[in-house]
Amino acid sequence: MKTHPVTQFNPDPWYHEMRNHHPVYYDPDFRFFFGAQGGWLLFAYEDVKQALNDYETYSCEYIPVTENDLLSASIFTMNPPRHKKMRAIVSKAFSLSMVSQMEQWMYNVCHSLIMPFIGDGRMEFVRDFAAGLPNLVMARLIGIPDNYGEKVSQWSKTLTGDPAVLGMDAHYNTMAEMSSFLSQLIQERSLQPQEDLITNLLHAEIDGEKLTITEILAFCVTLLGAGTETSEGWLSIAMYMFSRYPAIQQHLQAVPADIPKALAEVLRLRSPAIGLARIVIRDIQLQGQKIKKGDLVNLFLNAANLDPA
């Protein structure tokens, strides 16, 4: 396989090369975030789209179920129909009414993060804004006290970090620390309900049954890990993209109503979730390649979003 010299800062040439010449490629050295190594890489839009919708072939249940890894019980490692029911529950935390209640608080937080730099006119956007805001917002939604923002940030960085660099011990130790902390919060909310996600999860039911403590913990860990990391990435990428195109900045200042559309386009061009994992649960052939039952697959969302086809 030909290796392009630039794959981090500007991966587009690599995406195009792989999509054109190796749309389905097996990489024995590819590392998944949960520690597994080796998997098939999919780059073409139609292949990625099919894999995202065909749960009878590409299963979301790709993380081995273990007691010390709550992510194996999380919403993103769950197939329909339970996934849809669980998502309906957690979506209540992001409903218009819930977000509206937090609007003034979020405005004040953004103001407090930006104001120290107004006089100088310069700031390190990722460090001073994008890295902090999602942690504060997600913690508030879940019901974690505001003064735990820095701790939440440390947890999310470890959970979403490269296991080849951090090691799986750091991953599991962080998971245990989060589990202990959140279990205490769950116990408190069971005695004194609040207007937060933990309380909603304690009262939620699926098919007449309450969620287990493990499921509630997995919900919270997922949001604190993947939820904060992707939000930080989205903010950072958006600022980078807008800084490259002054005309877009000027347009958005003049027409603020277009900001949501601009942010959606940022997600297409540079999704902070570069790929999604799946496990194949039956032997298949794809683009001339034989993929066996039990093989792991990584779906490159950014490559699919840039597919000219």
C-alpha atoms as a PDB file:
ATOM      1  CA  MET A   1       0.000   0.000   0.000  1.00  0.00           C
ATOM      2  CA  LYS A   2       1.316   3.450  -0.898  1.00  0.00           C
ATOM      3  CA  THR A   3       1.631   5.695   2.149  1.00  0.00           C
ATOM      4  CA  HIS A   4       0.812   9.376   1.775  1.00  0.00           C
ATOM      5  CA  PRO A   5       3.152  11.686   3.718  1.00  0.00           C
ATOM      6  CA  VAL A   6       0.301  13.666   5.268  1.00  0.00           C
ATOM      7  CA  THR A   7      -2.404  11.771   7.145  1.00  0.00           C
ATOM      8  CA  GLN A   8      -2.961  13.723  10.374  1.00  0.00           C
ATOM      9  CA  PHE A   9      -3.333  17.413   9.544  1.00  0.00           C
ATOM     10  CA  ASN A  10      -4.802  16.841   6.083  1.00  0.00           C
ATOM     11  CA  PRO A  11      -5.909  13.221   5.675  1.00  0.00           C
ATOM     12  CA  ASP A  12      -8.061  13.883   2.584  1.00  0.00           C
ATOM     13  CA  PRO A  13      -5.455  12.668   0.010  1.00  0.00           C
ATOM     14  CA  TRP A  14      -5.071   9.431   1.976  1.00  0.00           C
ATOM     15  CA  TYR A  15      -8.854   8.988   2.172  1.00  0.00           C
ATOM     16  CA  HIS A  16      -9.158   9.483  -1.591  1.00  0.00           C
ATOM     17  CA  GLU A  17      -6.270   7.108  -2.304  1.00  0.00           C
ATOM     18  CA  MET A  18      -7.703   4.373  -0.083  1.00  0.00           C
ATOM     19  CA  ARG A  19     -11.235   4.820  -1.397  1.00  0.00           C
ATOM     20  CA  ASN A  20     -10.040   4.612  -5.015  1.00  0.00           C
ATOM     21  CA  HIS A  21      -7.521   1.783  -4.657  1.00  0.00           C
ATOM     22  CA  HIS A  22      -8.189  -0.026  -1.343  1.00  0.00           C
ATOM     23  CA  PRO A  23     -11.856   0.674  -0.393  1.00  0.00           C
ATOM     24  CA  VAL A  24     -11.905  -2.444   1.824  1.00  0.00           C
ATOM     25  CA  TYR A  25      -8.492  -2.986   3.385  1.00  0.00           C
ATOM     26  CA  TYR A  26      -7.247  -5.240   6.175  1.00  0.00           C
ATOM     27  CA  ASP A  27      -4.701  -3.635   8.501  1.00  0.00           C
ATOM     28  CA  PRO A  28      -3.215  -6.068  11.049  1.00  0.00           C
ATOM     29  CA  ASP A  29      -1.724  -3.152  13.032  1.00  0.00           C
ATOM     30  CA  PHE A  30      -4.879  -1.025  13.332  1.00  0.00           C
ATOM     31  CA  ARG A  31      -5.629  -0.317  17.007  1.00  0.00           C
ATOM     32  CA  PHE A  32      -9.203   0.126  18.258  1.00  0.00           C
ATOM     33  CA  PHE A  33      -9.855   2.405  21.229  1.00  0.00           C
ATOM     34  CA  PHE A  34     -10.784  -0.543  23.469  1.00  0.00           C
ATOM     35  CA  GLY A  35      -7.423  -2.245  22.929  1.00  0.00           C
ATOM     36  CA  ALA A  36      -8.143  -4.707  20.114  1.00  0.00           C
ATOM     37  CA  GLN A  37      -5.691  -4.843  17.227  1.00  0.00           C
ATOM     38  CA  GLY A  38      -6.260  -5.734  13.573  1.00  0.00           C
ATOM     39  CA  GLY A  39      -9.350  -5.039  11.500  1.00  0.00           C
ATOM     40  CA  TRP A  40     -10.925  -4.219   8.152  1.00  0.00           C
ATOM     41  CA  LEU A  41     -11.032  -0.557   7.131  1.00  0.00           C
ATOM     42  CA  LEU A  42     -13.969   0.703   5.031  1.00  0.00           C
ATOM     43  CA  PHE A  43     -13.698   3.991   3.112  1.00  0.00           C
ATOM     44  CA  ALA A  44     -16.462   4.179   0.461  1.00  0.00           C
ATOM     45  CA  TYR A  45     -19.756   5.933   1.222  1.00  0.00           C
ATOM     46  CA  GLU A  46     -22.046   3.089   0.121  1.00  0.00           C
ATOM     47  CA  ASP A  47     -20.071   0.485   2.095  1.00  0.00           C
ATOM     48  CA  VAL A  48     -20.005   2.608   5.241  1.00  0.00           C
ATOM     49  CA  LYS A  49     -23.689   3.462   4.935  1.00  0.00           C
ATOM     50  CA  GLN A  50     -24.607  -0.215   4.498  1.00  0.00           C
ATOM     51  CA  ALA A  51     -22.526  -1.222   7.510  1.00  0.00           C
ATOM     52  CA  LEU A  52     -24.155   1.434   9.685  1.00  0.00           C
ATOM     53  CA  ASN A  53     -27.637   0.137   8.871  1.00  0.00           C
ATOM     54  CA  ASP A  54     -27.160  -3.628   8.533  1.00  0.00           C
ATOM     55  CA  TYR A  55     -27.139  -4.818  12.145  1.00  0.00           C
ATOM     56  CA  GLU A  56     -27.634  -8.437  11.075  1.00  0.00           C
ATOM     57  CA  THR A  57     -24.166  -8.337   9.526  1.00  0.00           C
ATOM     58  CA  TYR A  58     -22.295  -5.532  11.282  1.00  0.00           C
ATOM     59  CA  SER A  59     -23.023  -5.705  14.998  1.00  0.00           C
ATOM     60  CA  CYS A  60     -22.496  -2.864  17.490  1.00  0.00           C
ATOM     61  CA  GLU A  61     -21.667  -5.408  20.201  1.00  0.00           C
ATOM     62  CA  TYR A  62     -17.956  -5.397  19.415  1.00  0.00           C
ATOM     63  CA  ILE A  63     -16.490  -4.904  22.913  1.00  0.00           C
ATOM     64  CA  PRO A  64     -16.132  -8.132  24.936  1.00  0.00           C
ATOM     65  CA  VAL A  65     -18.468  -7.964  27.939  1.00  0.00           C
ATOM     66  CA  THR A  66     -16.389  -7.726  31.114  1.00  0.00           C
ATOM     67  CA  GLU A  67     -17.089  -6.459  34.616  1.00  0.00           C
ATOM     68  CA  ASN A  68     -14.328  -3.846  34.496  1.00  0.00           C
ATOM     69  CA  ASP A  69     -15.315  -2.246  31.168  1.00  0.00           C
ATOM     70  CA  LEU A  70     -18.597  -0.361  31.367  1.00  0.00           C
ATOM     71  CA  LEU A  71     -18.357   0.592  27.696  1.00  0.00           C
ATOM     72  CA  SER A  72     -19.380  -2.968  26.836  1.00  0.00           C
ATOM     73  CA  ALA A  73     -22.798  -2.073  28.288  1.00  0.00           C
ATOM     74  CA  SER A  74     -23.022   1.395  26.728  1.00  0.00           C
ATOM     75  CA  ILE A  75     -25.554   2.664  24.230  1.00  0.00           C
ATOM     76  CA  PHE A  76     -23.078   2.706  21.325  1.00  0.00           C
ATOM     77  CA  THR A  77     -22.289  -0.999  21.753  1.00  0.00           C
ATOM     78  CA  MET A  78     -25.957  -1.950  21.647  1.00  0.00           C
ATOM     79  CA  ASN A  79     -28.030  -3.160  18.684  1.00  0.00           C
ATOM     80  CA  PRO A  80     -31.685  -2.339  17.936  1.00  0.00           C
ATOM     81  CA  PRO A  81     -34.319  -2.545  19.199  1.00  0.00           C
ATOM     82  CA  ARG A  82     -32.866  -1.913  22.678  1.00  0.00           C
ATOM     83  CA  HIS A  83     -30.545   0.781  21.351  1.00  0.00           C
ATOM     84  CA  LYS A  84     -33.498   2.782  20.047  1.00  0.00           C
ATOM     85  CA  LYS A  85     -35.318   2.522  23.382  1.00  0.00           C
ATOM     86  CA  MET A  86     -32.238   3.503  25.380  1.00  0.00           C
ATOM     87  CA  ARG A  87     -31.551   6.407  23.044  1.00  0.00           C
ATOM     88  CA  ALA A  88     -35.083   7.689  23.536  1.00  0.00           C
ATOM     89  CA  ILE A  89     -34.401   7.851  27.279  1.00  0.00           C
ATOM     90  CA  VAL A  90     -31.090   9.679  27.090  1.00  0.00           C
ATOM     91  CA  SER A  91     -32.405  12.047  24.405  1.00  0.00           C
ATOM     92  CA  LYS A  92     -34.672  13.573  27.038  1.00  0.00           C
ATOM     93  CA  ALA A  93     -31.585  15.119  28.614  1.00  0.00           C
ATOM     94  CA  PHE A  94     -30.974  16.984  25.355  1.00  0.00           C
ATOM     95  CA  SER A  95     -34.571  17.986  24.684  1.00  0.00           C
ATOM     96  CA  LEU A  96     -35.359  21.585  23.752  1.00  0.00           C
ATOM     97  CA  SER A  97     -36.937  22.243  27.156  1.00  0.00           C
ATOM     98  CA  MET A  98     -33.953  20.802  29.036  1.00  0.00           C
ATOM     99  CA  VAL A  99     -31.411  22.740  26.992  1.00  0.00           C
ATOM    100  CA  SER A 100     -33.495  25.907  27.266  1.00  0.00           C
ATOM    101  CA  GLN A 101     -33.327  25.662  31.056  1.00  0.00           C
ATOM    102  CA  MET A 102     -29.541  25.630  30.811  1.00  0.00           C
ATOM    103  CA  GLU A 103     -29.245  28.346  28.160  1.00  0.00           C
ATOM    104  CA  GLN A 104     -28.452  31.264  30.474  1.00  0.00           C
ATOM    105  CA  TRP A 105     -26.034  29.149  32.516  1.00  0.00           C
ATOM    106  CA  MET A 106     -24.215  28.048  29.338  1.00  0.00           C
ATOM    107  CA  TYR A 107     -24.064  31.649  28.125  1.00  0.00           C
ATOM    108  CA  ASN A 108     -22.522  32.699  31.436  1.00  0.00           C
ATOM    109  CA  VAL A 109     -19.971  29.861  31.263  1.00  0.00           C
ATOM    110  CA  CYS A 110     -18.962  30.822  27.706  1.00  0.00           C
ATOM    111  CA  HIS A 111     -18.684  34.453  28.807  1.00  0.00           C
ATOM    112  CA  SER A 112     -16.469  33.555  31.761  1.00  0.00           C
ATOM    113  CA  LEU A 113     -14.167  31.459  29.534  1.00  0.00           C
ATOM    114  CA  ILE A 114     -13.781  34.181  26.906  1.00  0.00           C
ATOM    115  CA  MET A 115     -13.616  37.378  28.988  1.00  0.00           C
ATOM    116  CA  PRO A 116     -10.027  36.940  30.313  1.00  0.00           C
ATOM    117  CA  PHE A 117      -8.786  37.156  26.715  1.00  0.00           C
ATOM    118  CA  ILE A 118     -10.931  40.000  25.365  1.00  0.00           C
ATOM    119  CA  GLY A 119      -8.407  42.684  26.276  1.00  0.00           C
ATOM    120  CA  ASP A 120      -5.500  40.970  24.552  1.00  0.00           C
ATOM    121  CA  GLY A 121      -7.566  39.815  21.591  1.00  0.00           C
ATOM    122  CA  ARG A 122      -5.799  36.437  21.487  1.00  0.00           C
ATOM    123  CA  MET A 123      -6.442  33.047  23.058  1.00  0.00           C
ATOM    124  CA  GLU A 124      -5.473  29.405  22.742  1.00  0.00           C
ATOM    125  CA  PHE A 125      -8.946  28.309  21.695  1.00  0.00           C
ATOM    126  CA  VAL A 126      -8.620  24.554  22.244  1.00  0.00           C
ATOM    127  CA  ARG A 127      -6.966  24.779  25.661  1.00  0.00           C
ATOM    128  CA  ASP A 128      -8.883  27.777  27.004  1.00  0.00           C
ATOM    129  CA  PHE A 129     -12.354  27.154  25.577  1.00  0.00           C
ATOM    130  CA  ALA A 130     -13.064  24.024  23.533  1.00  0.00           C
ATOM    131  CA  ALA A 131     -11.461  21.617  26.019  1.00  0.00           C
ATOM    132  CA  GLY A 132     -13.322  22.993  29.032  1.00  0.00           C
ATOM    133  CA  LEU A 133     -16.841  23.851  27.885  1.00  0.00           C
ATOM    134  CA  PRO A 134     -18.085  20.336  26.941  1.00  0.00           C
ATOM    135  CA  ASN A 135     -16.891  18.917  30.260  1.00  0.00           C
ATOM    136  CA  LEU A 136     -18.752  21.573  32.224  1.00  0.00           C
ATOM    137  CA  VAL A 137     -21.953  21.177  30.190  1.00  0.00           C
ATOM    138  CA  MET A 138     -21.988  17.378  30.226  1.00  0.00           C
ATOM    139  CA  ALA A 139     -21.218  17.272  33.937  1.00  0.00           C
ATOM    140  CA  ARG A 140     -24.103  19.681  34.631  1.00  0.00           C
ATOM    141  CA  LEU A 141     -26.506  17.604  32.507  1.00  0.00           C
ATOM    142  CA  ILE A 142     -25.584  14.397  34.313  1.00  0.00           C
ATOM    143  CA  GLY A 143     -25.717  15.990  37.757  1.00  0.00           C
ATOM    144  CA  ILE A 144     -22.013  16.243  38.628  1.00  0.00           C
ATOM    145  CA  PRO A 145     -21.022  19.312  40.697  1.00  0.00           C
ATOM    146  CA  ASP A 146     -19.429  22.112  38.642  1.00  0.00           C
ATOM    147  CA  ASN A 147     -16.150  21.956  40.567  1.00  0.00           C
ATOM    148  CA  TYR A 148     -15.429  18.508  39.079  1.00  0.00           C
ATOM    149  CA  GLY A 149     -14.875  19.946  35.573  1.00  0.00           C
ATOM    150  CA  GLU A 150     -11.121  19.343  35.585  1.00  0.00           C
ATOM    151  CA  LYS A 151     -11.583  15.782  36.853  1.00  0.00           C
ATOM    152  CA  VAL A 152     -14.147  15.074  34.145  1.00  0.00           C
ATOM    153  CA  SER A 153     -11.636  16.339  31.579  1.00  0.00           C
ATOM    154  CA  GLN A 154      -8.937  13.968  32.864  1.00  0.00           C
ATOM    155  CA  TRP A 155     -11.339  11.032  32.732  1.00  0.00           C
ATOM    156  CA  SER A 156     -12.497  11.741  29.178  1.00  0.00           C
ATOM    157  CA  LYS A 157      -8.934  12.168  27.880  1.00  0.00           C
ATOM    158  CA  THR A 158      -7.924   8.802  29.293  1.00  0.00           C
ATOM    159  CA  LEU A 159     -11.006   6.937  28.062  1.00  0.00           C
ATOM    160  CA  THR A 160     -10.651   8.263  24.516  1.00  0.00           C
ATOM    161  CA  GLY A 161      -6.853   8.173  24.373  1.00  0.00           C
ATOM    162  CA  ASP A 162      -4.770   5.812  22.285  1.00  0.00           C
ATOM    163  CA  PRO A 163      -4.487   2.503  24.206  1.00  0.00           C
ATOM    164  CA  ALA A 164      -1.135   1.871  22.535  1.00  0.00           C
ATOM    165  CA  VAL A 165       0.204   5.017  24.234  1.00  0.00           C
ATOM    166  CA  LEU A 166      -1.679   5.106  27.546  1.00  0.00           C
ATOM    167  CA  GLY A 167      -1.997   1.385  28.112  1.00  0.00           C
ATOM    168  CA  MET A 168      -5.168  -0.487  29.007  1.00  0.00           C
ATOM    169  CA  ASP A 169      -4.378  -0.298  32.750  1.00  0.00           C
ATOM    170  CA  ALA A 170      -4.959   3.459  32.634  1.00  0.00           C
ATOM    171  CA  HIS A 171      -8.227   2.823  30.794  1.00  0.00           C
ATOM    172  CA  TYR A 172      -9.531   0.346  33.365  1.00  0.00           C
ATOM    173  CA  ASN A 173      -8.281   2.343  36.365  1.00  0.00           C
ATOM    174  CA  THR A 174     -10.092   5.427  35.099  1.00  0.00           C
ATOM    175  CA  MET A 175     -13.226   3.373  34.509  1.00  0.00           C
ATOM    176  CA  ALA A 176     -13.085   2.092  38.110  1.00  0.00           C
ATOM    177  CA  GLU A 177     -12.589   5.606  39.489  1.00  0.00           C
ATOM    178  CA  MET A 178     -15.502   6.969  37.475  1.00  0.00           C
ATOM    179  CA  SER A 179     -17.687   4.036  38.473  1.00  0.00           C
ATOM    180  CA  SER A 180     -17.015   4.602  42.176  1.00  0.00           C
ATOM    181  CA  PHE A 181     -17.727   8.337  41.923  1.00  0.00           C
ATOM    182  CA  LEU A 182     -20.887   7.957  39.825  1.00  0.00           C
ATOM    183  CA  SER A 183     -22.217   5.110  41.994  1.00  0.00           C
ATOM    184  CA  GLN A 184     -22.162   7.495  44.943  1.00  0.00           C
ATOM    185  CA  LEU A 185     -24.086  10.103  42.933  1.00  0.00           C
ATOM    186  CA  ILE A 186     -26.645   7.496  41.887  1.00  0.00           C
ATOM    187  CA  GLN A 187     -27.140   6.522  45.520  1.00  0.00           C
ATOM    188  CA  GLU A 188     -27.643  10.179  46.474  1.00  0.00           C
ATOM    189  CA  ARG A 189     -30.165  10.748  43.664  1.00  0.00           C
ATOM    190  CA  SER A 190     -32.132   7.657  44.663  1.00  0.00           C
ATOM    191  CA  LEU A 191     -32.686   9.346  48.045  1.00  0.00           C
ATOM    192  CA  GLN A 192     -32.907  12.950  46.823  1.00  0.00           C
ATOM    193  CA  PRO A 193     -34.019  13.261  43.173  1.00  0.00           C
ATOM    194  CA  GLN A 194     -32.805  16.266  41.175  1.00  0.00           C
ATOM    195  CA  GLU A 195     -33.414  17.767  37.739  1.00  0.00           C
ATOM    196  CA  ASP A 196     -30.614  15.842  36.024  1.00  0.00           C
ATOM    197  CA  LEU A 197     -29.892  12.843  33.826  1.00  0.00           C
ATOM    198  CA  ILE A 198     -29.052  10.452  36.667  1.00  0.00           C
ATOM    199  CA  THR A 199     -32.456  11.055  38.250  1.00  0.00           C
ATOM    200  CA  ASN A 200     -34.182  10.538  34.885  1.00  0.00           C
ATOM    201  CA  LEU A 201     -32.325   7.285  34.349  1.00  0.00           C
ATOM    202  CA  LEU A 202     -33.265   6.025  37.805  1.00  0.00           C
ATOM    203  CA  HIS A 203     -36.940   6.528  36.995  1.00  0.00           C
ATOM    204  CA  ALA A 204     -36.787   5.301  33.384  1.00  0.00           C
ATOM    205  CA  GLU A 205     -38.192   1.961  32.259  1.00  0.00           C
ATOM    206  CA  ILE A 206     -37.783  -0.194  29.144  1.00  0.00           C
ATOM    207  CA  ASP A 207     -40.549  -2.721  28.529  1.00  0.00           C
ATOM    208  CA  GLY A 208     -41.693  -2.257  32.127  1.00  0.00           C
ATOM    209  CA  GLU A 209     -38.267  -2.832  33.678  1.00  0.00           C
ATOM    210  CA  LYS A 210     -35.998  -0.330  35.418  1.00  0.00           C
ATOM    211  CA  LEU A 211     -32.489   0.184  34.104  1.00  0.00           C
ATOM    212  CA  THR A 212     -29.763  -1.633  35.985  1.00  0.00           C
ATOM    213  CA  ILE A 213     -27.092   0.312  37.877  1.00  0.00           C
ATOM    214  CA  THR A 214     -24.567  -0.953  35.309  1.00  0.00           C
ATOM    215  CA  GLU A 215     -26.645   0.495  32.451  1.00  0.00           C
ATOM    216  CA  ILE A 216     -26.945   3.842  34.235  1.00  0.00           C
ATOM    217  CA  LEU A 217     -23.215   3.920  34.898  1.00  0.00           C
ATOM    218  CA  ALA A 218     -22.507   3.017  31.267  1.00  0.00           C
ATOM    219  CA  PHE A 219     -24.752   5.862  30.076  1.00  0.00           C
ATOM    220  CA  CYS A 220     -22.876   8.403  32.183  1.00  0.00           C
ATOM    221  CA  VAL A 221     -19.411   7.072  31.339  1.00  0.00           C
ATOM    222  CA  THR A 222     -20.238   7.177  27.615  1.00  0.00           C
ATOM    223  CA  LEU A 223     -21.356  10.799  27.802  1.00  0.00           C
ATOM    224  CA  LEU A 224     -18.357  11.851  29.884  1.00  0.00           C
ATOM    225  CA  GLY A 225     -15.968  10.083  27.528  1.00  0.00           C
ATOM    226  CA  ALA A 226     -17.153  10.052  23.936  1.00  0.00           C
ATOM    227  CA  GLY A 227     -19.633  12.908  24.444  1.00  0.00           C
ATOM    228  CA  THR A 228     -17.128  15.447  25.744  1.00  0.00           C
ATOM    229  CA  GLU A 229     -14.283  14.417  23.422  1.00  0.00           C
ATOM    230  CA  THR A 230     -16.368  14.697  20.256  1.00  0.00           C
ATOM    231  CA  SER A 231     -17.835  18.032  21.360  1.00  0.00           C
ATOM    232  CA  GLU A 232     -14.350  19.406  22.004  1.00  0.00           C
ATOM    233  CA  GLY A 233     -13.255  18.156  18.600  1.00  0.00           C
ATOM    234  CA  TRP A 234     -16.273  19.684  16.879  1.00  0.00           C
ATOM    235  CA  LEU A 235     -15.681  23.102  18.453  1.00  0.00           C
ATOM    236  CA  SER A 236     -11.977  23.008  17.612  1.00  0.00           C
ATOM    237  CA  ILE A 237     -12.457  21.855  14.026  1.00  0.00           C
ATOM    238  CA  ALA A 238     -15.195  24.442  13.455  1.00  0.00           C
ATOM    239  CA  MET A 239     -12.969  27.263  14.670  1.00  0.00           C
ATOM    240  CA  TYR A 240     -10.118  26.014  12.481  1.00  0.00           C
ATOM    241  CA  MET A 241     -12.343  25.752   9.390  1.00  0.00           C
ATOM    242  CA  PHE A 242     -13.922  29.178   9.918  1.00  0.00           C
ATOM    243  CA  SER A 243     -10.499  30.752  10.451  1.00  0.00           C
ATOM    244  CA  ARG A 244      -9.457  29.480   7.020  1.00  0.00           C
ATOM    245  CA  TYR A 245     -12.401  31.166   5.313  1.00  0.00           C
ATOM    246  CA  PRO A 246     -12.845  34.826   6.409  1.00  0.00           C
ATOM    247  CA  ALA A 247     -15.763  35.217   4.006  1.00  0.00           C
ATOM    248  CA  ILE A 248     -17.682  32.541   5.906  1.00  0.00           C
ATOM    249  CA  GLN A 249     -16.952  34.331   9.191  1.00  0.00           C
ATOM    250  CA  GLN A 250     -18.322  37.564   7.778  1.00  0.00           C
ATOM    251  CA  HIS A 251     -21.409  35.816   6.434  1.00  0.00           C
ATOM    252  CA  LEU A 252     -22.163  34.117   9.761  1.00  0.00           C
ATOM    253  CA  GLN A 253     -21.750  37.409  11.618  1.00  0.00           C
ATOM    254  CA  ALA A 254     -24.238  39.003   9.232  1.00  0.00           C
ATOM    255  CA  VAL A 255     -26.612  35.994   9.113  1.00  0.00           C
ATOM    256  CA  PRO A 256     -26.433  34.150  12.487  1.00  0.00           C
ATOM    257  CA  ALA A 257     -29.368  31.944  11.436  1.00  0.00           C
ATOM    258  CA  ASP A 258     -26.955  30.086   9.130  1.00  0.00           C
ATOM    259  CA  ILE A 259     -24.649  29.027  11.977  1.00  0.00           C
ATOM    260  CA  PRO A 260     -26.407  25.646  12.521  1.00  0.00           C
ATOM    261  CA  LYS A 261     -26.045  24.810   8.816  1.00  0.00           C
ATOM    262  CA  ALA A 262     -22.381  25.805   8.873  1.00  0.00           C
ATOM    263  CA  LEU A 263     -21.738  23.600  11.906  1.00  0.00           C
ATOM    264  CA  ALA A 264     -23.483  20.672  10.213  1.00  0.00           C
ATOM    265  CA  GLU A 265     -21.221  21.121   7.193  1.00  0.00           C
ATOM    266  CA  VAL A 266     -18.189  21.074   9.497  1.00  0.00           C
ATOM    267  CA  LEU A 267     -19.356  17.662  10.720  1.00  0.00           C
ATOM    268  CA  ARG A 268     -19.429  16.387   7.138  1.00  0.00           C
ATOM    269  CA  LEU A 269     -16.013  17.771   6.214  1.00  0.00           C
ATOM    270  CA  ARG A 270     -14.224  16.876   9.448  1.00  0.00           C
ATOM    271  CA  SER A 271     -16.235  14.689  11.784  1.00  0.00           C
ATOM    272  CA  PRO A 272     -14.601  14.537  15.254  1.00  0.00           C
ATOM    273  CA  ALA A 273     -15.629  10.877  15.290  1.00  0.00           C
ATOM    274  CA  ILE A 274     -13.226   9.741  12.589  1.00  0.00           C
ATOM    275  CA  GLY A 275     -14.443   6.161  12.615  1.00  0.00           C
ATOM    276  CA  LEU A 276     -16.912   3.756  14.185  1.00  0.00           C
ATOM    277  CA  ALA A 277     -16.236   0.139  15.058  1.00  0.00           C
ATOM    278  CA  ARG A 278     -18.356  -2.894  14.213  1.00  0.00           C
ATOM    279  CA  ILE A 279     -17.921  -6.672  14.420  1.00  0.00           C
ATOM    280  CA  VAL A 280     -19.020  -8.927  11.555  1.00  0.00           C
ATOM    281  CA  ILE A 281     -21.346 -11.688  12.712  1.00  0.00           C
ATOM    282  CA  ARG A 282     -21.463 -13.722   9.468  1.00  0.00           C
ATOM    283  CA  ASP A 283     -19.048 -14.414   6.626  1.00  0.00           C
ATOM    284  CA  ILE A 284     -19.403 -11.879   3.801  1.00  0.00           C
ATOM    285  CA  GLN A 285     -17.726 -10.698   0.623  1.00  0.00           C
ATOM    286  CA  LEU A 286     -17.259  -6.972   0.073  1.00  0.00           C
ATOM    287  CA  GLN A 287     -15.459  -5.326  -2.835  1.00  0.00           C
ATOM    288  CA  GLY A 288     -13.818  -8.653  -3.630  1.00  0.00           C
ATOM    289  CA  GLN A 289     -12.571  -9.175  -0.057  1.00  0.00           C
ATOM    290  CA  LYS A 290     -13.598 -12.068   2.184  1.00  0.00           C
ATOM    291  CA  ILE A 291     -14.506 -10.862   5.660  1.00  0.00           C
ATOM    292  CA  LYS A 292     -15.001 -13.592   8.219  1.00  0.00           C
ATOM    293  CA  LYS A 293     -17.400 -13.877  11.125  1.00  0.00           C
ATOM    294  CA  GLY A 294     -15.787 -12.310  14.209  1.00  0.00           C
ATOM    295  CA  ASP A 295     -13.610  -9.849  12.268  1.00  0.00           C
ATOM    296  CA  LEU A 296     -13.563  -6.252  13.489  1.00  0.00           C
ATOM    297  CA  VAL A 297     -14.332  -3.407  11.091  1.00  0.00           C
ATOM    298  CA  ASN A 298     -13.600   0.310  11.291  1.00  0.00           C
ATOM    299  CA  LEU A 299     -15.920   2.593   9.306  1.00  0.00           C
ATOM    300  CA  PHE A 300     -14.082   5.760   8.247  1.00  0.00           C
ATOM    301  CA  LEU A 301     -16.869   8.351   8.453  1.00  0.00           C
ATOM    302  CA  ASN A 302     -14.755  11.234   7.155  1.00  0.00           C
ATOM    303  CA  ALA A 303     -13.679   9.258   4.086  1.00  0.00           C
ATOM    304  CA  ALA A 304     -17.307   8.324   3.358  1.00  0.00           C
ATOM    305  CA  ASN A 305     -18.469  11.924   3.803  1.00  0.00           C
ATOM    306  CA  LEU A 306     -15.956  13.076   1.173  1.00  0.00           C
ATOM    307  CA  ASP A 307     -16.805  10.343  -1.347  1.00  0.00           C
ATOM    308  CA  PRO A 308     -17.521  12.046  -4.719  1.00  0.00           C
ATOM    309  CA  ALA A 309     -19.889   9.212  -5.590  1.00  0.00           C
END
